[in-house]
C-alpha cells in the first residue's frame, strides 16, 4: 500500500478532459454554459450561438476567456 493520494495528484487527475472526449459533449449546452458564454460573447464582441453543444460551448468559453479584458485585468 502506498501513501500517494491519486485524488490530490493533479498530474493524474481525470477531472480535466478534452471536450471532444466527453460522452455528453454532443448534447445541448447547459443553462450555466449559455449564461456564461453570453456574457463572454458580449465582452469580446463575439456572436452568441445558442445552438452550440456542451463540448463546443466549453471550447468557446476557454477561447473567449483568454480574450476577455475583464478576466485579463482581474
Protein backbone atom coordinates (compact mmCIF):
# COMPACT_ATOMS: atom_id res chain seq x y z
CA UNK A 1 0.00 0.00 0.00
CA UNK A 2 1.31 3.48 -0.86
CA UNK A 3 0.89 6.83 0.80
CA UNK A 4 0.17 8.52 -2.53
CA UNK A 5 -3.23 10.10 -2.88
CA UNK A 6 -4.25 9.95 -6.55
CA UNK A 7 -7.09 12.39 -5.95
CA UNK A 8 -4.64 15.01 -4.73
CA UNK A 9 -2.15 14.45 -7.55
CA UNK A 10 -3.10 16.92 -10.30
CA UNK A 11 -0.88 15.16 -12.84
CA UNK A 12 -3.02 12.03 -12.55
CA UNK A 13 -6.31 13.89 -12.39
CA UNK A 14 -9.08 12.97 -14.78
CA UNK A 15 -11.17 15.99 -13.83
CA UNK A 16 -9.99 17.94 -16.87
CA UNK A 17 -11.00 16.20 -20.07
CA UNK A 18 -10.88 17.32 -23.65
CA UNK A 19 -14.46 18.25 -24.63
CA UNK A 20 -14.02 16.06 -27.72
CA UNK A 21 -13.79 13.07 -25.34
CA UNK A 22 -16.93 13.89 -23.34
CA UNK A 23 -19.68 11.29 -23.61
CA UNK A 24 -22.24 14.11 -23.30
CA UNK A 25 -20.35 16.58 -25.49
CA UNK A 26 -22.91 16.39 -28.28
CA UNK A 27 -25.80 17.34 -26.01
CA UNK A 28 -27.08 20.93 -25.99
CA UNK A 29 -25.06 23.29 -23.79
CA UNK A 30 -26.26 23.70 -20.24
CA UNK A 31 -28.05 26.76 -18.95
CA UNK A 32 -24.98 27.74 -16.95
CA UNK A 33 -22.76 27.45 -20.03
CA UNK A 34 -25.19 29.53 -22.08
CA UNK A 35 -25.36 32.26 -19.45
CA UNK A 36 -21.59 32.50 -19.01
CA UNK A 37 -20.95 32.23 -22.74
CA UNK A 38 -23.43 35.00 -23.48
CA UNK A 39 -21.58 37.27 -21.03
CA UNK A 40 -18.21 36.41 -22.60
CA UNK A 41 -19.60 37.00 -26.09
CA UNK A 42 -20.83 40.44 -25.08
CA UNK A 43 -17.45 41.30 -23.53
CA UNK A 44 -15.49 40.18 -26.58
CA UNK A 45 -17.91 41.24 -29.35
CA UNK A 46 -18.26 37.61 -30.44
CA UNK A 47 -21.64 36.48 -31.78
CA UNK A 48 -23.60 34.27 -29.38
CA UNK A 49 -24.81 30.96 -30.82
CA UNK A 50 -27.47 29.31 -28.67
CA UNK A 51 -27.30 26.09 -30.70
CA UNK A 52 -23.81 25.03 -29.53
CA UNK A 53 -23.25 21.64 -27.94
CA UNK A 54 -21.75 21.24 -24.47
CA UNK A 55 -18.38 20.41 -25.97
CA UNK A 56 -18.33 23.30 -28.44
CA UNK A 57 -19.56 25.73 -25.79
CA UNK A 58 -16.76 24.64 -23.46
CA UNK A 59 -14.13 25.17 -26.15
CA UNK A 60 -15.51 28.62 -27.00
CA UNK A 61 -15.64 29.59 -23.32
CA UNK A 62 -11.96 28.71 -22.99
CA UNK A 63 -11.13 30.73 -26.10
CA UNK A 64 -13.14 33.79 -25.07
CA UNK A 65 -11.80 33.78 -21.51
CA UNK A 66 -8.38 34.46 -23.00
CA UNK A 67 -9.81 37.43 -24.91
CA UNK A 68 -11.89 38.97 -22.12
CA UNK A 69 -10.37 42.24 -20.90
CA UNK A 70 -12.21 41.84 -17.58
CA UNK A 71 -10.63 38.45 -16.92
CA UNK A 72 -7.18 39.57 -18.06
CA UNK A 73 -7.27 42.52 -15.70
CA UNK A 74 -8.85 40.52 -12.86
